[in-house]
Amino acid sequence: MATRVKITTSEGEIIVRLYDETPKHRDNFIKLAKEGYYDGTLFHRVIKDFMIQGGDPESKGAPKDKMLGTGGPDYTIPAEFVYPQLYHKRGALSAARQGDQVNPERESSGSQFYIVWGKTYKAQEMKQLERQMAMQQEQTVFNNLVNDNRKKIMQLRKERNQVGLQELQDELIAETKAICSEMPKPAFTEAQVQDYTTIGGTPFLDNQYTVFGEVESGLEVVEKIQNTATMPGDRPKEDISMKMEVLD
């Protein structure tokens, strides 16, 4: 039976169910919760119609002017993408992380997490997102090919060989299209489309951040928190603290 954790906040109780499909994130979350690591921390980053984020140990007793969001244990957790089975529907429990530029492996923060609120999408918006995903796939393949040919590109630039650079670019574009034609075309599953068009969520985060659980009860508390008034930097004007208890 999946482990559940009760998050008692100053706005009410949220019970989350952790996924067995993401064991590293599950076990780490349980360990920290049992140790009392989260007790007294805040939901320090709240964005309406998007998500609520917490788990920064530096938020305990933090003064109003303190910048939050960089704290955590001295480790990260390897990404556990179980996609498209696990995705960012409303109520999804996901791991925060640093951006791709400094974290290309998309490893998760050792403690910070967020709960998705998001919005509901129309069917045509989902199709548009699929087109964007296909474009991103092409861009990623092209960027990888550019990296593989960096020495050659630098040499052509050094020689100011514009014709050679244009020819190489045309070759890489053609190679990109050939590679992408052999790859599965990005598409949402029926379950994703159903949830994103009825329940809501943040589909643009799928396969980018690890989803490791979901809200089992207390979604109305998440709604209340995501609607709270915030200061510059997305911190709630009134502190919203939490305490955790592992239920089973």
C-alpha atoms as a PDB file:
ATOM      1  CA  MET A   1       0.000   0.000   0.000  1.00  0.00           C
ATOM      2  CA  ALA A   2       1.317   3.431  -0.940  1.00  0.00           C
ATOM      3  CA  THR A   3       2.641   5.597   1.867  1.00  0.00           C
ATOM      4  CA  ARG A   4       0.634   8.687   2.789  1.00  0.00           C
ATOM      5  CA  VAL A   5       1.907  11.814   4.515  1.00  0.00           C
ATOM      6  CA  LYS A   6      -0.246  14.394   6.321  1.00  0.00           C
ATOM      7  CA  ILE A   7       0.871  17.981   5.832  1.00  0.00           C
ATOM      8  CA  THR A   8      -0.739  20.116   8.515  1.00  0.00           C
ATOM      9  CA  THR A   9      -0.646  23.774   7.534  1.00  0.00           C
ATOM     10  CA  SER A  10      -1.904  26.960   9.119  1.00  0.00           C
ATOM     11  CA  GLU A  11      -4.656  26.836   6.444  1.00  0.00           C
ATOM     12  CA  GLY A  12      -5.721  23.216   6.962  1.00  0.00           C
ATOM     13  CA  GLU A  13      -4.611  19.625   6.314  1.00  0.00           C
ATOM     14  CA  ILE A  14      -3.350  18.116   3.066  1.00  0.00           C
ATOM     15  CA  ILE A  15      -2.806  14.367   2.733  1.00  0.00           C
ATOM     16  CA  VAL A  16      -0.494  13.266  -0.060  1.00  0.00           C
ATOM     17  CA  ARG A  17       0.029   9.763  -1.398  1.00  0.00           C
ATOM     18  CA  LEU A  18       3.580   8.932  -2.494  1.00  0.00           C
ATOM     19  CA  TYR A  19       4.185   6.895  -5.638  1.00  0.00           C
ATOM     20  CA  ASP A  20       6.083   3.606  -5.422  1.00  0.00           C
ATOM     21  CA  GLU A  21       7.200   4.194  -9.021  1.00  0.00           C
ATOM     22  CA  THR A  22       9.575   6.927  -7.766  1.00  0.00           C
ATOM     23  CA  PRO A  23      11.310   5.134  -4.861  1.00  0.00           C
ATOM     24  CA  LYS A  24      14.241   7.530  -4.372  1.00  0.00           C
ATOM     25  CA  HIS A  25      11.961  10.539  -3.988  1.00  0.00           C
ATOM     26  CA  ARG A  26       9.445   8.555  -1.909  1.00  0.00           C
ATOM     27  CA  ASP A  27      12.044   7.283   0.553  1.00  0.00           C
ATOM     28  CA  ASN A  28      13.742  10.669   0.878  1.00  0.00           C
ATOM     29  CA  PHE A  29      10.451  12.463   1.542  1.00  0.00           C
ATOM     30  CA  ILE A  30       9.478   9.877   4.174  1.00  0.00           C
ATOM     31  CA  LYS A  31      12.893  10.120   5.858  1.00  0.00           C
ATOM     32  CA  LEU A  32      12.794  13.923   6.081  1.00  0.00           C
ATOM     33  CA  ALA A  33       9.184  13.935   7.264  1.00  0.00           C
ATOM     34  CA  LYS A  34       9.937  11.420  10.039  1.00  0.00           C
ATOM     35  CA  GLU A  35      12.972  13.444  11.123  1.00  0.00           C
ATOM     36  CA  GLY A  36      10.844  16.557  11.491  1.00  0.00           C
ATOM     37  CA  TYR A  37      12.897  18.296   8.791  1.00  0.00           C
ATOM     38  CA  TYR A  38       9.849  20.052   7.350  1.00  0.00           C
ATOM     39  CA  ASP A  39       8.242  21.026  10.659  1.00  0.00           C
ATOM     40  CA  GLY A  40       8.118  24.794  10.964  1.00  0.00           C
ATOM     41  CA  THR A  41       9.090  25.436   7.339  1.00  0.00           C
ATOM     42  CA  LEU A  42       6.933  27.636   5.126  1.00  0.00           C
ATOM     43  CA  PHE A  43       5.224  27.507   1.795  1.00  0.00           C
ATOM     44  CA  HIS A  44       7.664  30.193   0.731  1.00  0.00           C
ATOM     45  CA  ARG A  45       6.757  30.473  -2.972  1.00  0.00           C
ATOM     46  CA  VAL A  46       3.132  30.681  -4.053  1.00  0.00           C
ATOM     47  CA  ILE A  47       1.967  31.560  -7.564  1.00  0.00           C
ATOM     48  CA  LYS A  48      -1.760  31.782  -8.238  1.00  0.00           C
ATOM     49  CA  ASP A  49      -3.050  29.380 -10.896  1.00  0.00           C
ATOM     50  CA  PHE A  50       0.329  27.610 -10.891  1.00  0.00           C
ATOM     51  CA  MET A  51       1.618  25.962  -7.717  1.00  0.00           C
ATOM     52  CA  ILE A  52       2.608  26.215  -4.038  1.00  0.00           C
ATOM     53  CA  GLN A  53       6.220  25.433  -3.060  1.00  0.00           C
ATOM     54  CA  GLY A  54       7.849  24.605   0.259  1.00  0.00           C
ATOM     55  CA  GLY A  55      10.605  22.576   1.873  1.00  0.00           C
ATOM     56  CA  ASP A  56      13.339  25.208   2.282  1.00  0.00           C
ATOM     57  CA  PRO A  57      14.857  24.696   5.768  1.00  0.00           C
ATOM     58  CA  GLU A  58      15.979  28.326   5.771  1.00  0.00           C
ATOM     59  CA  SER A  59      12.322  29.395   5.843  1.00  0.00           C
ATOM     60  CA  LYS A  60      11.970  28.360   9.510  1.00  0.00           C
ATOM     61  CA  GLY A  61      11.433  31.584  11.433  1.00  0.00           C
ATOM     62  CA  ALA A  62      12.643  33.584   8.432  1.00  0.00           C
ATOM     63  CA  PRO A  63      12.174  37.364   8.632  1.00  0.00           C
ATOM     64  CA  LYS A  64       9.864  38.904   6.022  1.00  0.00           C
ATOM     65  CA  ASP A  65      12.732  40.378   4.004  1.00  0.00           C
ATOM     66  CA  LYS A  66      14.757  37.158   3.777  1.00  0.00           C
ATOM     67  CA  MET A  67      15.143  35.710   0.275  1.00  0.00           C
ATOM     68  CA  LEU A  68      14.097  32.063   0.296  1.00  0.00           C
ATOM     69  CA  GLY A  69      14.304  29.153  -2.125  1.00  0.00           C
ATOM     70  CA  THR A  70      17.969  28.109  -2.104  1.00  0.00           C
ATOM     71  CA  GLY A  71      18.052  26.023   1.080  1.00  0.00           C
ATOM     72  CA  GLY A  72      18.152  22.254   1.358  1.00  0.00           C
ATOM     73  CA  PRO A  73      20.302  19.311   2.424  1.00  0.00           C
ATOM     74  CA  ASP A  74      23.764  18.834   0.920  1.00  0.00           C
ATOM     75  CA  TYR A  75      22.556  16.421  -1.770  1.00  0.00           C
ATOM     76  CA  THR A  76      20.267  16.186  -4.774  1.00  0.00           C
ATOM     77  CA  ILE A  77      18.115  13.281  -5.961  1.00  0.00           C
ATOM     78  CA  PRO A  78      18.504  11.733  -9.430  1.00  0.00           C
ATOM     79  CA  ALA A  79      15.518  12.477 -11.664  1.00  0.00           C
ATOM     80  CA  GLU A  80      12.835   9.771 -11.721  1.00  0.00           C
ATOM     81  CA  PHE A  81      10.685  10.614 -14.719  1.00  0.00           C
ATOM     82  CA  VAL A  82       7.923   8.043 -15.116  1.00  0.00           C
ATOM     83  CA  TYR A  83       6.342   9.663 -18.133  1.00  0.00           C
ATOM     84  CA  PRO A  84       3.656   9.713 -19.430  1.00  0.00           C
ATOM     85  CA  GLN A  85       2.262   7.666 -16.534  1.00  0.00           C
ATOM     86  CA  LEU A  86       2.989  10.356 -13.944  1.00  0.00           C
ATOM     87  CA  TYR A  87       2.300  13.936 -14.932  1.00  0.00           C
ATOM     88  CA  HIS A  88       1.519  17.410 -13.611  1.00  0.00           C
ATOM     89  CA  LYS A  89      -2.239  17.205 -13.121  1.00  0.00           C
ATOM     90  CA  ARG A  90      -3.807  19.385 -10.430  1.00  0.00           C
ATOM     91  CA  GLY A  91      -2.742  18.053  -7.029  1.00  0.00           C
ATOM     92  CA  ALA A  92       0.482  16.459  -8.285  1.00  0.00           C
ATOM     93  CA  LEU A  93       3.351  16.457  -5.766  1.00  0.00           C
ATOM     94  CA  SER A  94       6.605  17.232  -7.536  1.00  0.00           C
ATOM     95  CA  ALA A  95      10.241  17.961  -6.723  1.00  0.00           C
ATOM     96  CA  ALA A  96      11.679  21.428  -7.245  1.00  0.00           C
ATOM     97  CA  ARG A  97      15.128  21.747  -8.807  1.00  0.00           C
ATOM     98  CA  GLN A  98      17.682  24.117 -10.241  1.00  0.00           C
ATOM     99  CA  GLY A  99      17.427  25.093 -13.901  1.00  0.00           C
ATOM    100  CA  ASP A 100      18.790  23.129 -16.847  1.00  0.00           C
ATOM    101  CA  GLN A 101      21.788  25.416 -17.412  1.00  0.00           C
ATOM    102  CA  VAL A 102      23.369  24.472 -14.078  1.00  0.00           C
ATOM    103  CA  ASN A 103      21.534  21.160 -13.725  1.00  0.00           C
ATOM    104  CA  PRO A 104      21.411  19.406 -17.131  1.00  0.00           C
ATOM    105  CA  GLU A 105      20.590  16.043 -15.530  1.00  0.00           C
ATOM    106  CA  ARG A 106      17.506  17.667 -13.928  1.00  0.00           C
ATOM    107  CA  GLU A 107      18.311  16.300 -10.479  1.00  0.00           C
ATOM    108  CA  SER A 108      15.807  17.236  -7.793  1.00  0.00           C
ATOM    109  CA  SER A 109      16.322  19.365  -4.718  1.00  0.00           C
ATOM    110  CA  GLY A 110      16.979  17.257  -1.646  1.00  0.00           C
ATOM    111  CA  SER A 111      13.968  18.726   0.161  1.00  0.00           C
ATOM    112  CA  GLN A 112      12.018  21.341  -1.787  1.00  0.00           C
ATOM    113  CA  PHE A 113       8.742  20.310  -3.373  1.00  0.00           C
ATOM    114  CA  TYR A 114       5.668  21.850  -4.936  1.00  0.00           C
ATOM    115  CA  ILE A 115       2.017  20.949  -5.282  1.00  0.00           C
ATOM    116  CA  VAL A 116       0.447  21.735  -8.643  1.00  0.00           C
ATOM    117  CA  TRP A 117      -2.637  23.870  -9.087  1.00  0.00           C
ATOM    118  CA  GLY A 118      -2.384  25.091 -12.675  1.00  0.00           C
ATOM    119  CA  LYS A 119      -5.352  25.778 -14.929  1.00  0.00           C
ATOM    120  CA  THR A 120      -7.698  23.912 -17.247  1.00  0.00           C
ATOM    121  CA  TYR A 121      -6.868  23.854 -20.954  1.00  0.00           C
ATOM    122  CA  LYS A 122      -9.000  23.785 -24.066  1.00  0.00           C
ATOM    123  CA  ALA A 123      -8.489  20.982 -26.598  1.00  0.00           C
ATOM    124  CA  GLN A 124      -6.896  23.363 -29.114  1.00  0.00           C
ATOM    125  CA  GLU A 125      -4.491  24.590 -26.439  1.00  0.00           C
ATOM    126  CA  MET A 126      -3.374  21.013 -25.863  1.00  0.00           C
ATOM    127  CA  LYS A 127      -2.715  20.642 -29.604  1.00  0.00           C
ATOM    128  CA  GLN A 128      -0.684  23.846 -29.542  1.00  0.00           C
ATOM    129  CA  LEU A 129       1.363  22.507 -26.627  1.00  0.00           C
ATOM    130  CA  GLU A 130       2.034  19.327 -28.615  1.00  0.00           C
ATOM    131  CA  ARG A 131       3.338  21.446 -31.491  1.00  0.00           C
ATOM    132  CA  GLN A 132       5.577  23.338 -29.067  1.00  0.00           C
ATOM    133  CA  MET A 133       6.857  20.041 -27.680  1.00  0.00           C
ATOM    134  CA  ALA A 134       7.741  18.878 -31.209  1.00  0.00           C
ATOM    135  CA  MET A 135       9.600  22.132 -31.839  1.00  0.00           C
ATOM    136  CA  GLN A 136      11.454  21.740 -28.546  1.00  0.00           C
ATOM    137  CA  GLN A 137      12.381  18.181 -29.483  1.00  0.00           C
ATOM    138  CA  GLU A 138      13.858  19.410 -32.770  1.00  0.00           C
ATOM    139  CA  GLN A 139      15.720  22.218 -30.999  1.00  0.00           C
ATOM    140  CA  THR A 140      17.224  19.789 -28.483  1.00  0.00           C
ATOM    141  CA  VAL A 141      18.432  17.431 -31.231  1.00  0.00           C
ATOM    142  CA  PHE A 142      19.862  20.361 -33.212  1.00  0.00           C
ATOM    143  CA  ASN A 143      21.651  21.752 -30.139  1.00  0.00           C
ATOM    144  CA  ASN A 144      23.222  18.357 -29.473  1.00  0.00           C
ATOM    145  CA  LEU A 145      24.485  18.180 -33.054  1.00  0.00           C
ATOM    146  CA  VAL A 146      25.910  21.687 -32.758  1.00  0.00           C
ATOM    147  CA  ASN A 147      27.766  20.644 -29.616  1.00  0.00           C
ATOM    148  CA  ASP A 148      29.131  17.586 -31.421  1.00  0.00           C
ATOM    149  CA  ASN A 149      30.425  19.835 -34.220  1.00  0.00           C
ATOM    150  CA  ARG A 150      31.662  22.700 -32.045  1.00  0.00           C
ATOM    151  CA  LYS A 151      35.329  22.352 -33.021  1.00  0.00           C
ATOM    152  CA  LYS A 152      34.467  22.397 -36.715  1.00  0.00           C
ATOM    153  CA  ILE A 153      32.209  25.429 -36.245  1.00  0.00           C
ATOM    154  CA  MET A 154      34.908  27.320 -34.340  1.00  0.00           C
ATOM    155  CA  GLN A 155      37.428  26.569 -37.069  1.00  0.00           C
ATOM    156  CA  LEU A 156      35.087  27.811 -39.809  1.00  0.00           C
ATOM    157  CA  ARG A 157      34.429  30.963 -37.803  1.00  0.00           C
ATOM    158  CA  LYS A 158      38.160  31.475 -37.319  1.00  0.00           C
ATOM    159  CA  GLU A 159      38.605  31.177 -41.076  1.00  0.00           C
ATOM    160  CA  ARG A 160      35.604  33.497 -41.601  1.00  0.00           C
ATOM    161  CA  ASN A 161      34.235  30.849 -43.932  1.00  0.00           C
ATOM    162  CA  GLN A 162      30.597  31.952 -44.182  1.00  0.00           C
ATOM    163  CA  VAL A 163      29.854  29.557 -47.044  1.00  0.00           C
ATOM    164  CA  GLY A 164      31.207  26.629 -45.037  1.00  0.00           C
ATOM    165  CA  LEU A 165      29.197  27.675 -41.977  1.00  0.00           C
ATOM    166  CA  GLN A 166      25.998  27.906 -44.023  1.00  0.00           C
ATOM    167  CA  GLU A 167      26.622  24.497 -45.604  1.00  0.00           C
ATOM    168  CA  LEU A 168      27.260  22.940 -42.182  1.00  0.00           C
ATOM    169  CA  GLN A 169      24.124  24.533 -40.774  1.00  0.00           C
ATOM    170  CA  ASP A 170      22.072  23.143 -43.666  1.00  0.00           C
ATOM    171  CA  GLU A 171      23.592  19.702 -43.051  1.00  0.00           C
ATOM    172  CA  LEU A 172      22.762  19.822 -39.315  1.00  0.00           C
ATOM    173  CA  ILE A 173      19.196  20.952 -40.010  1.00  0.00           C
ATOM    174  CA  ALA A 174      18.715  18.080 -42.461  1.00  0.00           C
ATOM    175  CA  GLU A 175      20.232  15.627 -39.963  1.00  0.00           C
ATOM    176  CA  THR A 176      17.975  16.989 -37.222  1.00  0.00           C
ATOM    177  CA  LYS A 177      14.860  16.400 -39.321  1.00  0.00           C
ATOM    178  CA  ALA A 178      16.029  12.880 -40.210  1.00  0.00           C
ATOM    179  CA  ILE A 179      16.645  12.008 -36.552  1.00  0.00           C
ATOM    180  CA  CYS A 180      13.319  13.475 -35.416  1.00  0.00           C
ATOM    181  CA  SER A 181      11.444  11.587 -38.113  1.00  0.00           C
ATOM    182  CA  GLU A 182      12.622   8.352 -36.459  1.00  0.00           C
ATOM    183  CA  MET A 183      11.591   9.511 -32.973  1.00  0.00           C
ATOM    184  CA  PRO A 184       8.080   9.198 -31.515  1.00  0.00           C
ATOM    185  CA  LYS A 185       6.168  12.410 -32.112  1.00  0.00           C
ATOM    186  CA  PRO A 186       5.442  14.192 -28.815  1.00  0.00           C
ATOM    187  CA  ALA A 187       1.797  13.703 -27.905  1.00  0.00           C
ATOM    188  CA  PHE A 188      -0.317  13.713 -24.772  1.00  0.00           C
ATOM    189  CA  THR A 189      -2.070  10.522 -23.727  1.00  0.00           C
ATOM    190  CA  GLU A 190      -5.857  10.304 -23.474  1.00  0.00           C
ATOM    191  CA  ALA A 191      -5.541  10.416 -19.678  1.00  0.00           C
ATOM    192  CA  GLN A 192      -3.461  13.598 -19.817  1.00  0.00           C
ATOM    193  CA  VAL A 193      -5.859  15.322 -22.197  1.00  0.00           C
ATOM    194  CA  GLN A 194      -8.810  14.289 -20.028  1.00  0.00           C
ATOM    195  CA  ASP A 195      -7.228  15.625 -16.824  1.00  0.00           C
ATOM    196  CA  TYR A 196      -5.748  18.791 -18.276  1.00  0.00           C
ATOM    197  CA  THR A 197      -9.024  19.780 -19.969  1.00  0.00           C
ATOM    198  CA  THR A 198     -11.258  18.973 -16.969  1.00  0.00           C
ATOM    199  CA  ILE A 199      -9.261  18.980 -13.711  1.00  0.00           C
ATOM    200  CA  GLY A 200      -6.367  21.231 -14.744  1.00  0.00           C
ATOM    201  CA  GLY A 201      -2.633  21.234 -14.180  1.00  0.00           C
ATOM    202  CA  THR A 202       0.667  22.369 -15.693  1.00  0.00           C
ATOM    203  CA  PRO A 203       1.384  20.180 -18.751  1.00  0.00           C
ATOM    204  CA  PHE A 204       4.390  22.264 -19.822  1.00  0.00           C
ATOM    205  CA  LEU A 205       6.296  20.897 -16.792  1.00  0.00           C
ATOM    206  CA  ASP A 206       5.807  17.251 -17.810  1.00  0.00           C
ATOM    207  CA  ASN A 207       8.973  15.210 -18.208  1.00  0.00           C
ATOM    208  CA  GLN A 208      10.944  18.189 -16.868  1.00  0.00           C
ATOM    209  CA  TYR A 209      10.436  17.783 -13.113  1.00  0.00           C
ATOM    210  CA  THR A 210       9.931  14.566 -11.126  1.00  0.00           C
ATOM    211  CA  VAL A 211       6.329  13.897 -10.075  1.00  0.00           C
ATOM    212  CA  PHE A 212       6.429  11.614  -7.035  1.00  0.00           C
ATOM    213  CA  GLY A 213       2.978  11.789  -5.450  1.00  0.00           C
ATOM    214  CA  GLU A 214      -0.435  13.413  -5.454  1.00  0.00           C
ATOM    215  CA  VAL A 215      -2.932  15.020  -3.107  1.00  0.00           C
ATOM    216  CA  GLU A 216      -5.372  12.434  -1.795  1.00  0.00           C
ATOM    217  CA  SER A 217      -7.402  14.892   0.271  1.00  0.00           C
ATOM    218  CA  GLY A 218      -7.186  18.576   1.088  1.00  0.00           C
ATOM    219  CA  LEU A 219      -7.123  19.980  -2.430  1.00  0.00           C
ATOM    220  CA  GLU A 220      -9.331  22.792  -1.142  1.00  0.00           C
ATOM    221  CA  VAL A 221      -6.470  23.740   1.183  1.00  0.00           C
ATOM    222  CA  VAL A 222      -4.079  23.879  -1.777  1.00  0.00           C
ATOM    223  CA  GLU A 223      -6.598  26.132  -3.528  1.00  0.00           C
ATOM    224  CA  LYS A 224      -6.785  28.408  -0.503  1.00  0.00           C
ATOM    225  CA  ILE A 225      -2.986  28.670  -0.273  1.00  0.00           C
ATOM    226  CA  GLN A 226      -2.513  29.357  -3.992  1.00  0.00           C
ATOM    227  CA  ASN A 227      -5.046  32.172  -3.701  1.00  0.00           C
ATOM    228  CA  THR A 228      -3.251  33.860  -0.815  1.00  0.00           C
ATOM    229  CA  ALA A 229      -1.858  37.388  -1.167  1.00  0.00           C
ATOM    230  CA  THR A 230       1.887  37.453  -1.860  1.00  0.00           C
ATOM    231  CA  MET A 231       4.776  39.900  -1.706  1.00  0.00           C
ATOM    232  CA  PRO A 232       7.377  40.541  -4.438  1.00  0.00           C
ATOM    233  CA  GLY A 233       9.268  37.263  -4.784  1.00  0.00           C
ATOM    234  CA  ASP A 234       6.017  35.230  -4.466  1.00  0.00           C
ATOM    235  CA  ARG A 235       6.259  34.762  -0.701  1.00  0.00           C
ATOM    236  CA  PRO A 236       2.871  34.908   1.065  1.00  0.00           C
ATOM    237  CA  LYS A 237       2.304  38.107   3.029  1.00  0.00           C
ATOM    238  CA  GLU A 238       1.224  35.998   5.988  1.00  0.00           C
ATOM    239  CA  ASP A 239       3.446  33.007   6.760  1.00  0.00           C
ATOM    240  CA  ILE A 240       1.930  29.609   5.947  1.00  0.00           C
ATOM    241  CA  SER A 241       3.835  27.023   7.978  1.00  0.00           C
ATOM    242  CA  MET A 242       3.655  23.249   7.902  1.00  0.00           C
ATOM    243  CA  LYS A 243       4.204  20.114   9.946  1.00  0.00           C
ATOM    244  CA  MET A 244       4.377  16.591   8.534  1.00  0.00           C
ATOM    245  CA  GLU A 245       3.328  13.174   9.800  1.00  0.00           C
ATOM    246  CA  VAL A 246       3.866   9.866   7.976  1.00  0.00           C
ATOM    247  CA  LEU A 247       0.579   7.983   8.233  1.00  0.00           C
ATOM    248  CA  ASP A 248       1.470   4.536   6.876  1.00  0.00           C
END
